[in-house]
N, C-alpha and C. Protein backbone atom coordinates (compact mmCIF):
# COMPACT_ATOMS: atom_id res chain seq x y z
N LEU A 1 104.37 105.99 43.81
CA LEU A 1 105.61 106.31 44.58
C LEU A 1 105.25 106.15 46.04
N VAL A 2 106.13 105.51 46.80
CA VAL A 2 105.95 105.38 48.26
C VAL A 2 107.15 105.99 48.95
N LEU A 3 106.88 106.94 49.85
CA LEU A 3 107.91 107.53 50.68
C LEU A 3 107.62 107.09 52.10
N ASP A 4 108.40 106.15 52.58
CA ASP A 4 108.21 105.63 53.95
C ASP A 4 109.17 106.39 54.89
N GLU A 5 108.70 106.68 56.07
CA GLU A 5 109.47 107.45 57.08
C GLU A 5 109.96 108.76 56.47
N ALA A 6 109.05 109.47 55.83
CA ALA A 6 109.39 110.72 55.19
C ALA A 6 109.91 111.72 56.15
N ASP A 7 109.41 111.74 57.38
CA ASP A 7 109.95 112.67 58.40
C ASP A 7 111.40 112.47 58.66
N ARG A 8 111.80 111.19 58.67
CA ARG A 8 113.23 110.87 58.89
C ARG A 8 114.08 111.32 57.72
N MET A 9 113.56 111.15 56.50
CA MET A 9 114.27 111.63 55.33
C MET A 9 114.58 113.11 55.41
N LEU A 10 113.55 113.85 55.83
CA LEU A 10 113.72 115.32 55.95
C LEU A 10 114.73 115.61 57.09
N ASP A 11 114.64 114.89 58.21
CA ASP A 11 115.55 115.10 59.35
C ASP A 11 116.98 114.87 58.88
N MET A 12 117.18 113.93 57.97
CA MET A 12 118.54 113.60 57.53
C MET A 12 118.99 114.46 56.36
N GLY A 13 118.19 115.48 56.00
CA GLY A 13 118.61 116.44 55.00
C GLY A 13 118.36 116.04 53.54
N PHE A 14 117.41 115.15 53.31
CA PHE A 14 117.14 114.70 51.96
C PHE A 14 116.05 115.46 51.22
N LEU A 15 115.65 116.60 51.75
CA LEU A 15 114.56 117.37 51.13
C LEU A 15 114.88 117.70 49.67
N HIS A 16 116.06 118.20 49.41
CA HIS A 16 116.41 118.59 48.04
C HIS A 16 116.40 117.34 47.12
N ALA A 17 116.92 116.24 47.57
CA ALA A 17 116.93 114.99 46.74
C ALA A 17 115.50 114.51 46.51
N ILE A 18 114.63 114.54 47.51
CA ILE A 18 113.26 114.17 47.34
C ILE A 18 112.56 115.05 46.32
N LYS A 19 112.76 116.34 46.46
CA LYS A 19 112.15 117.26 45.50
C LYS A 19 112.66 117.02 44.06
N ARG A 20 113.94 116.73 43.94
CA ARG A 20 114.51 116.44 42.59
C ARG A 20 113.90 115.19 42.00
N ILE A 21 113.74 114.14 42.81
CA ILE A 21 113.12 112.89 42.32
C ILE A 21 111.68 113.14 41.94
N LEU A 22 110.94 113.80 42.82
CA LEU A 22 109.52 114.07 42.58
C LEU A 22 109.32 114.93 41.30
N GLY A 23 110.27 115.82 41.05
CA GLY A 23 110.16 116.68 39.88
C GLY A 23 110.35 115.96 38.58
N LYS A 24 111.01 114.79 38.63
CA LYS A 24 111.29 113.99 37.42
C LYS A 24 110.20 112.93 37.15
N LEU A 25 109.31 112.75 38.11
CA LEU A 25 108.26 111.72 37.93
C LEU A 25 107.05 112.29 37.19
N PRO A 26 106.30 111.42 36.54
CA PRO A 26 105.07 111.89 35.87
C PRO A 26 104.08 112.55 36.87
N ALA A 27 103.39 113.57 36.44
CA ALA A 27 102.45 114.23 37.33
C ALA A 27 101.30 113.32 37.65
N GLN A 28 100.95 112.47 36.73
CA GLN A 28 99.81 111.50 36.94
C GLN A 28 100.37 110.24 37.61
N ARG A 29 100.29 110.22 38.93
CA ARG A 29 100.81 109.07 39.68
C ARG A 29 100.09 108.97 41.02
N GLN A 30 100.24 107.85 41.66
CA GLN A 30 99.74 107.67 43.00
C GLN A 30 100.93 107.85 43.96
N THR A 31 100.80 108.65 44.96
CA THR A 31 101.87 108.90 45.91
C THR A 31 101.41 108.57 47.32
N LEU A 32 102.16 107.74 48.00
CA LEU A 32 101.86 107.39 49.40
C LEU A 32 102.98 107.89 50.24
N LEU A 33 102.71 108.67 51.26
CA LEU A 33 103.71 109.23 52.12
C LEU A 33 103.43 108.79 53.56
N PHE A 34 104.35 108.08 54.16
CA PHE A 34 104.18 107.58 55.55
C PHE A 34 105.16 108.28 56.46
N SER A 35 104.68 108.61 57.65
CA SER A 35 105.51 109.38 58.60
C SER A 35 104.98 109.15 60.05
N ALA A 36 105.91 109.05 60.96
CA ALA A 36 105.55 108.97 62.39
C ALA A 36 105.07 110.36 62.89
N THR A 37 105.58 111.41 62.30
CA THR A 37 105.14 112.75 62.64
C THR A 37 104.78 113.46 61.34
N PHE A 38 104.03 114.55 61.45
CA PHE A 38 103.62 115.26 60.28
C PHE A 38 103.81 116.76 60.49
N GLU A 39 105.06 117.21 60.46
CA GLU A 39 105.40 118.60 60.75
C GLU A 39 105.11 119.48 59.50
N ALA A 40 105.26 120.75 59.68
CA ALA A 40 104.92 121.74 58.67
C ALA A 40 105.70 121.53 57.34
N GLN A 41 106.97 121.19 57.44
CA GLN A 41 107.80 121.00 56.26
C GLN A 41 107.28 119.82 55.43
N LEU A 42 106.84 118.78 56.10
CA LEU A 42 106.30 117.57 55.43
C LEU A 42 104.93 117.91 54.80
N LYS A 43 104.11 118.65 55.49
CA LYS A 43 102.84 119.10 54.93
C LYS A 43 103.04 119.92 53.67
N GLN A 44 104.02 120.82 53.68
CA GLN A 44 104.34 121.65 52.54
C GLN A 44 104.78 120.78 51.36
N LEU A 45 105.58 119.77 51.61
CA LEU A 45 106.05 118.84 50.57
C LEU A 45 104.84 118.13 49.98
N ALA A 46 103.93 117.67 50.80
CA ALA A 46 102.75 116.98 50.31
C ALA A 46 101.89 117.91 49.43
N LEU A 47 101.69 119.13 49.91
CA LEU A 47 100.87 120.08 49.13
C LEU A 47 101.52 120.45 47.79
N GLN A 48 102.84 120.47 47.77
CA GLN A 48 103.59 120.85 46.55
C GLN A 48 103.56 119.75 45.50
N PHE A 49 103.66 118.49 45.95
CA PHE A 49 103.84 117.43 44.99
C PHE A 49 102.74 116.40 44.88
N MET A 50 101.63 116.62 45.65
CA MET A 50 100.52 115.67 45.61
C MET A 50 99.25 116.41 45.23
N ARG A 51 98.39 115.72 44.49
CA ARG A 51 97.07 116.32 44.10
C ARG A 51 96.08 115.94 45.18
N GLU A 52 95.45 116.86 45.78
CA GLU A 52 94.42 116.65 46.79
C GLU A 52 94.86 115.62 47.82
N PRO A 53 95.93 115.90 48.55
CA PRO A 53 96.43 114.93 49.54
C PRO A 53 95.43 114.75 50.68
N LYS A 54 95.34 113.51 51.12
CA LYS A 54 94.50 113.17 52.23
C LYS A 54 95.39 112.63 53.39
N GLN A 55 95.08 113.01 54.60
CA GLN A 55 95.86 112.52 55.75
C GLN A 55 95.01 111.47 56.51
N VAL A 56 95.64 110.33 56.77
CA VAL A 56 95.03 109.31 57.55
C VAL A 56 95.87 109.08 58.81
N GLN A 57 95.26 109.28 59.96
CA GLN A 57 95.99 109.12 61.22
C GLN A 57 95.62 107.78 61.80
N VAL A 58 96.62 106.93 62.00
CA VAL A 58 96.36 105.55 62.45
C VAL A 58 96.29 105.51 63.98
N ALA A 59 97.23 106.08 64.65
CA ALA A 59 97.27 106.03 66.13
C ALA A 59 96.58 107.26 66.69
N ALA A 60 95.90 107.07 67.79
CA ALA A 60 95.19 108.17 68.45
C ALA A 60 96.16 108.86 69.38
N GLY A 61 96.45 110.12 69.03
CA GLY A 61 97.28 110.94 69.91
C GLY A 61 98.54 110.30 70.42
N ARG A 62 98.94 110.70 71.61
CA ARG A 62 100.10 110.16 72.27
C ARG A 62 99.71 109.63 73.62
N ALA A 63 98.79 108.72 73.65
CA ALA A 63 98.28 108.17 74.91
C ALA A 63 99.41 107.26 75.50
N VAL A 64 99.56 107.44 76.78
CA VAL A 64 100.56 106.69 77.54
C VAL A 64 99.82 105.77 78.51
N ALA A 65 100.16 104.52 78.50
CA ALA A 65 99.54 103.57 79.43
C ALA A 65 99.76 104.03 80.88
N GLU A 66 98.76 103.83 81.69
CA GLU A 66 98.85 104.26 83.09
C GLU A 66 99.90 103.47 83.85
N THR A 67 100.24 102.31 83.40
CA THR A 67 101.24 101.48 84.08
C THR A 67 102.70 101.85 83.72
N ILE A 68 102.88 102.80 82.85
CA ILE A 68 104.22 103.21 82.41
C ILE A 68 104.52 104.61 83.03
N SER A 69 105.71 104.67 83.61
CA SER A 69 106.15 105.96 84.13
C SER A 69 107.36 106.46 83.34
N HIS A 70 107.43 107.75 83.16
CA HIS A 70 108.54 108.37 82.44
C HIS A 70 109.31 109.19 83.48
N ARG A 71 110.64 109.11 83.41
CA ARG A 71 111.46 109.87 84.32
C ARG A 71 112.63 110.45 83.57
N ALA A 72 113.03 111.65 84.00
CA ALA A 72 114.23 112.29 83.46
C ALA A 72 115.14 112.67 84.63
N HIS A 73 116.41 112.37 84.50
CA HIS A 73 117.37 112.70 85.57
C HIS A 73 118.55 113.47 84.97
N PRO A 74 118.57 114.76 85.09
CA PRO A 74 119.75 115.51 84.62
C PRO A 74 120.98 115.03 85.40
N VAL A 75 122.02 114.68 84.65
CA VAL A 75 123.23 114.11 85.27
C VAL A 75 124.42 114.40 84.39
N GLU A 76 125.60 114.52 84.97
CA GLU A 76 126.81 114.69 84.22
C GLU A 76 127.08 113.42 83.40
N ALA A 77 127.69 113.61 82.25
CA ALA A 77 127.93 112.48 81.37
C ALA A 77 128.73 111.37 82.04
N SER A 78 129.66 111.73 82.89
CA SER A 78 130.50 110.74 83.56
C SER A 78 129.73 109.88 84.51
N ARG A 79 128.58 110.34 84.97
CA ARG A 79 127.76 109.60 85.98
C ARG A 79 126.56 108.88 85.37
N LYS A 80 126.34 109.04 84.06
CA LYS A 80 125.15 108.47 83.45
C LYS A 80 124.96 106.95 83.71
N ARG A 81 126.00 106.19 83.37
CA ARG A 81 125.88 104.75 83.52
C ARG A 81 125.65 104.33 84.96
N ASP A 82 126.39 104.91 85.87
CA ASP A 82 126.22 104.57 87.33
C ASP A 82 124.82 104.88 87.78
N LEU A 83 124.30 106.05 87.45
CA LEU A 83 122.91 106.39 87.84
C LEU A 83 121.93 105.43 87.21
N LEU A 84 122.15 105.12 85.94
CA LEU A 84 121.20 104.18 85.31
C LEU A 84 121.19 102.84 85.99
N VAL A 85 122.36 102.32 86.31
CA VAL A 85 122.43 101.00 87.03
C VAL A 85 121.72 101.11 88.36
N GLU A 86 121.97 102.24 89.07
CA GLU A 86 121.33 102.47 90.37
C GLU A 86 119.79 102.47 90.25
N ILE A 87 119.29 103.16 89.26
CA ILE A 87 117.86 103.24 89.06
C ILE A 87 117.28 101.86 88.68
N LEU A 88 117.94 101.21 87.72
CA LEU A 88 117.45 99.93 87.25
C LEU A 88 117.57 98.81 88.29
N SER A 89 118.52 98.96 89.22
CA SER A 89 118.70 97.96 90.28
C SER A 89 117.70 98.12 91.41
N SER A 90 117.00 99.27 91.43
CA SER A 90 116.11 99.47 92.54
C SER A 90 114.93 98.50 92.48
N ARG A 91 114.34 98.18 93.58
CA ARG A 91 113.29 97.18 93.59
C ARG A 91 112.00 97.75 92.98
N HIS A 92 111.96 99.06 92.73
CA HIS A 92 110.78 99.69 92.11
C HIS A 92 110.76 99.56 90.60
N THR A 93 111.86 99.09 90.02
CA THR A 93 111.96 98.99 88.58
C THR A 93 111.94 97.53 88.18
N ASP A 94 110.80 97.06 87.68
CA ASP A 94 110.75 95.64 87.19
C ASP A 94 111.40 95.51 85.82
N GLN A 95 110.99 96.37 84.88
CA GLN A 95 111.50 96.35 83.55
C GLN A 95 111.61 97.80 83.04
N ALA A 96 112.54 97.99 82.09
CA ALA A 96 112.72 99.34 81.55
C ALA A 96 113.17 99.27 80.10
N ILE A 97 112.78 100.29 79.37
CA ILE A 97 113.30 100.46 77.99
C ILE A 97 114.17 101.70 78.04
N VAL A 98 115.44 101.53 77.62
CA VAL A 98 116.39 102.65 77.61
C VAL A 98 116.71 102.95 76.13
N PHE A 99 116.52 104.18 75.73
CA PHE A 99 116.82 104.56 74.36
C PHE A 99 118.22 105.15 74.25
N GLY A 100 118.97 104.61 73.26
CA GLY A 100 120.33 105.09 73.02
C GLY A 100 120.40 105.85 71.67
N ARG A 101 121.43 106.59 71.50
CA ARG A 101 121.55 107.40 70.30
C ARG A 101 122.11 106.63 69.14
N THR A 102 123.05 105.68 69.41
CA THR A 102 123.69 104.94 68.30
C THR A 102 123.54 103.42 68.48
N LYS A 103 123.69 102.69 67.41
CA LYS A 103 123.64 101.25 67.47
C LYS A 103 124.80 100.67 68.31
N HIS A 104 125.98 101.18 68.05
CA HIS A 104 127.13 100.72 68.82
C HIS A 104 126.96 101.08 70.31
N GLY A 105 126.47 102.25 70.60
CA GLY A 105 126.22 102.65 71.99
C GLY A 105 125.21 101.74 72.68
N CYS A 106 124.17 101.34 71.96
CA CYS A 106 123.15 100.43 72.55
C CYS A 106 123.78 99.08 72.87
N ASN A 107 124.57 98.57 71.94
CA ASN A 107 125.24 97.29 72.21
C ASN A 107 126.12 97.36 73.43
N ARG A 108 126.93 98.45 73.47
CA ARG A 108 127.88 98.63 74.55
C ARG A 108 127.14 98.78 75.87
N LEU A 109 126.04 99.56 75.90
CA LEU A 109 125.30 99.72 77.16
C LEU A 109 124.68 98.44 77.62
N ALA A 110 124.13 97.64 76.71
CA ALA A 110 123.51 96.36 77.08
C ALA A 110 124.58 95.44 77.69
N GLU A 111 125.78 95.46 77.10
CA GLU A 111 126.87 94.64 77.67
C GLU A 111 127.25 95.12 79.07
N GLN A 112 127.34 96.44 79.25
CA GLN A 112 127.73 97.00 80.54
C GLN A 112 126.65 96.70 81.59
N LEU A 113 125.39 96.75 81.22
CA LEU A 113 124.32 96.44 82.14
C LEU A 113 124.41 94.95 82.57
N GLU A 114 124.67 94.07 81.60
CA GLU A 114 124.85 92.67 81.89
C GLU A 114 125.97 92.46 82.87
N LYS A 115 127.08 93.17 82.70
CA LYS A 115 128.23 93.03 83.62
C LYS A 115 127.88 93.54 85.00
N SER A 116 126.92 94.45 85.07
CA SER A 116 126.47 94.98 86.38
C SER A 116 125.41 94.10 87.02
N GLY A 117 125.11 92.99 86.37
CA GLY A 117 124.13 92.05 86.95
C GLY A 117 122.67 92.28 86.51
N LEU A 118 122.49 93.09 85.52
CA LEU A 118 121.13 93.37 85.03
C LEU A 118 120.96 92.67 83.67
N SER A 119 119.95 91.83 83.56
CA SER A 119 119.74 91.18 82.24
C SER A 119 119.26 92.20 81.22
N ALA A 120 119.98 92.33 80.13
CA ALA A 120 119.66 93.37 79.14
C ALA A 120 119.83 92.78 77.72
N VAL A 121 119.00 93.31 76.83
CA VAL A 121 119.12 92.97 75.41
C VAL A 121 119.07 94.28 74.62
N ALA A 122 119.73 94.26 73.44
CA ALA A 122 119.72 95.45 72.61
C ALA A 122 119.04 95.19 71.27
N ILE A 123 118.31 96.15 70.77
CA ILE A 123 117.73 96.07 69.44
C ILE A 123 118.06 97.37 68.68
N HIS A 124 118.36 97.21 67.39
CA HIS A 124 118.61 98.37 66.53
C HIS A 124 118.59 97.91 65.09
N GLY A 125 118.77 98.81 64.18
CA GLY A 125 118.66 98.53 62.77
C GLY A 125 119.72 97.59 62.20
N ASN A 126 120.85 97.37 62.86
CA ASN A 126 121.85 96.43 62.34
C ASN A 126 121.54 95.02 62.73
N LYS A 127 120.56 94.82 63.63
CA LYS A 127 120.20 93.47 64.03
C LYS A 127 119.21 92.90 62.99
N SER A 128 119.28 91.60 62.77
CA SER A 128 118.33 91.00 61.85
C SER A 128 116.93 91.02 62.49
N GLN A 129 115.92 90.79 61.69
CA GLN A 129 114.57 90.74 62.21
C GLN A 129 114.47 89.60 63.26
N ALA A 130 115.11 88.50 62.97
CA ALA A 130 115.08 87.35 63.93
C ALA A 130 115.74 87.76 65.25
N GLN A 131 116.88 88.47 65.19
CA GLN A 131 117.53 88.91 66.41
C GLN A 131 116.68 89.90 67.21
N ARG A 132 116.05 90.80 66.50
CA ARG A 132 115.18 91.81 67.17
C ARG A 132 113.98 91.09 67.81
N GLN A 133 113.40 90.12 67.10
CA GLN A 133 112.26 89.37 67.64
C GLN A 133 112.64 88.59 68.86
N LYS A 134 113.83 87.96 68.83
CA LYS A 134 114.33 87.16 69.97
C LYS A 134 114.48 88.09 71.20
N ALA A 135 115.06 89.27 70.99
CA ALA A 135 115.28 90.21 72.07
C ALA A 135 113.93 90.66 72.65
N LEU A 136 113.00 91.00 71.77
CA LEU A 136 111.66 91.48 72.23
C LEU A 136 110.93 90.37 72.97
N THR A 137 111.06 89.14 72.50
CA THR A 137 110.41 88.00 73.16
C THR A 137 110.99 87.81 74.55
N ALA A 138 112.32 87.91 74.69
CA ALA A 138 112.94 87.82 75.99
C ALA A 138 112.50 88.92 76.92
N PHE A 139 112.38 90.12 76.41
CA PHE A 139 111.90 91.23 77.20
C PHE A 139 110.47 91.06 77.67
N LYS A 140 109.61 90.68 76.70
CA LYS A 140 108.19 90.51 77.02
C LYS A 140 107.99 89.40 78.02
N ALA A 141 108.81 88.33 77.96
CA ALA A 141 108.70 87.20 78.85
C ALA A 141 109.33 87.46 80.23
N GLY A 142 109.98 88.62 80.36
CA GLY A 142 110.61 88.94 81.62
C GLY A 142 112.01 88.35 81.81
N LYS A 143 112.51 87.72 80.77
CA LYS A 143 113.87 87.10 80.85
C LYS A 143 114.94 88.21 80.76
N ALA A 144 114.59 89.34 80.18
CA ALA A 144 115.46 90.51 80.12
C ALA A 144 114.76 91.64 80.80
N ARG A 145 115.39 92.24 81.81
CA ARG A 145 114.75 93.36 82.53
C ARG A 145 114.89 94.66 81.77
N VAL A 146 115.95 94.77 80.92
CA VAL A 146 116.18 96.02 80.27
C VAL A 146 116.27 95.79 78.72
N LEU A 147 115.54 96.59 77.99
CA LEU A 147 115.60 96.64 76.55
C LEU A 147 116.31 97.91 76.18
N VAL A 148 117.49 97.81 75.55
CA VAL A 148 118.25 99.01 75.12
C VAL A 148 118.02 99.09 73.64
N ALA A 149 117.52 100.26 73.19
CA ALA A 149 117.16 100.39 71.77
C ALA A 149 117.46 101.74 71.18
N THR A 150 117.70 101.73 69.91
CA THR A 150 117.73 103.03 69.18
C THR A 150 116.26 103.30 68.86
N ASP A 151 116.04 104.30 68.06
CA ASP A 151 114.63 104.68 67.77
C ASP A 151 113.90 103.62 66.98
N VAL A 152 114.56 102.54 66.58
CA VAL A 152 113.85 101.47 65.88
C VAL A 152 112.68 100.96 66.75
N ALA A 153 112.87 100.93 68.03
CA ALA A 153 111.75 100.48 68.93
C ALA A 153 110.73 101.57 69.13
N ALA A 154 111.17 102.83 69.19
CA ALA A 154 110.27 103.90 69.38
C ALA A 154 109.31 104.05 68.22
N ARG A 155 109.77 103.71 67.04
CA ARG A 155 109.00 103.90 65.83
C ARG A 155 108.19 102.65 65.50
N GLY A 156 108.31 101.59 66.32
CA GLY A 156 107.51 100.39 66.04
C GLY A 156 108.16 99.47 65.05
């Protein structure tokens, strides 16, 4: 059994369904559980349904490259886009990744940034792998200054 992005399944309320499925499977099985995070609820699930679970951590901590800066700007909802354009238009911002909550919102924001004169591309789960790769290539090559993404980019 493979449970990929198990943390997301729990976030979306599938704990009961996962437990029901696991309860119907043979006790003698190999189970692989993958997750970007490993919170207490996920650990409890592993302990309950896995024999002698082992944890393998692939990435070391949450190291942030020294060349990347993180900023937060509390702002009223009506001013969000204007402030974002102002920040992205500054000469101090070469490139930026902007995370959006929804796929539609990411598309809309990328279009609005383009209309404001900022080259932007959007990636999210509704885009094909080829479309996502094209957008990432444009961003990496500097052809797009802004990458607007749902958590698909945050999760790799």
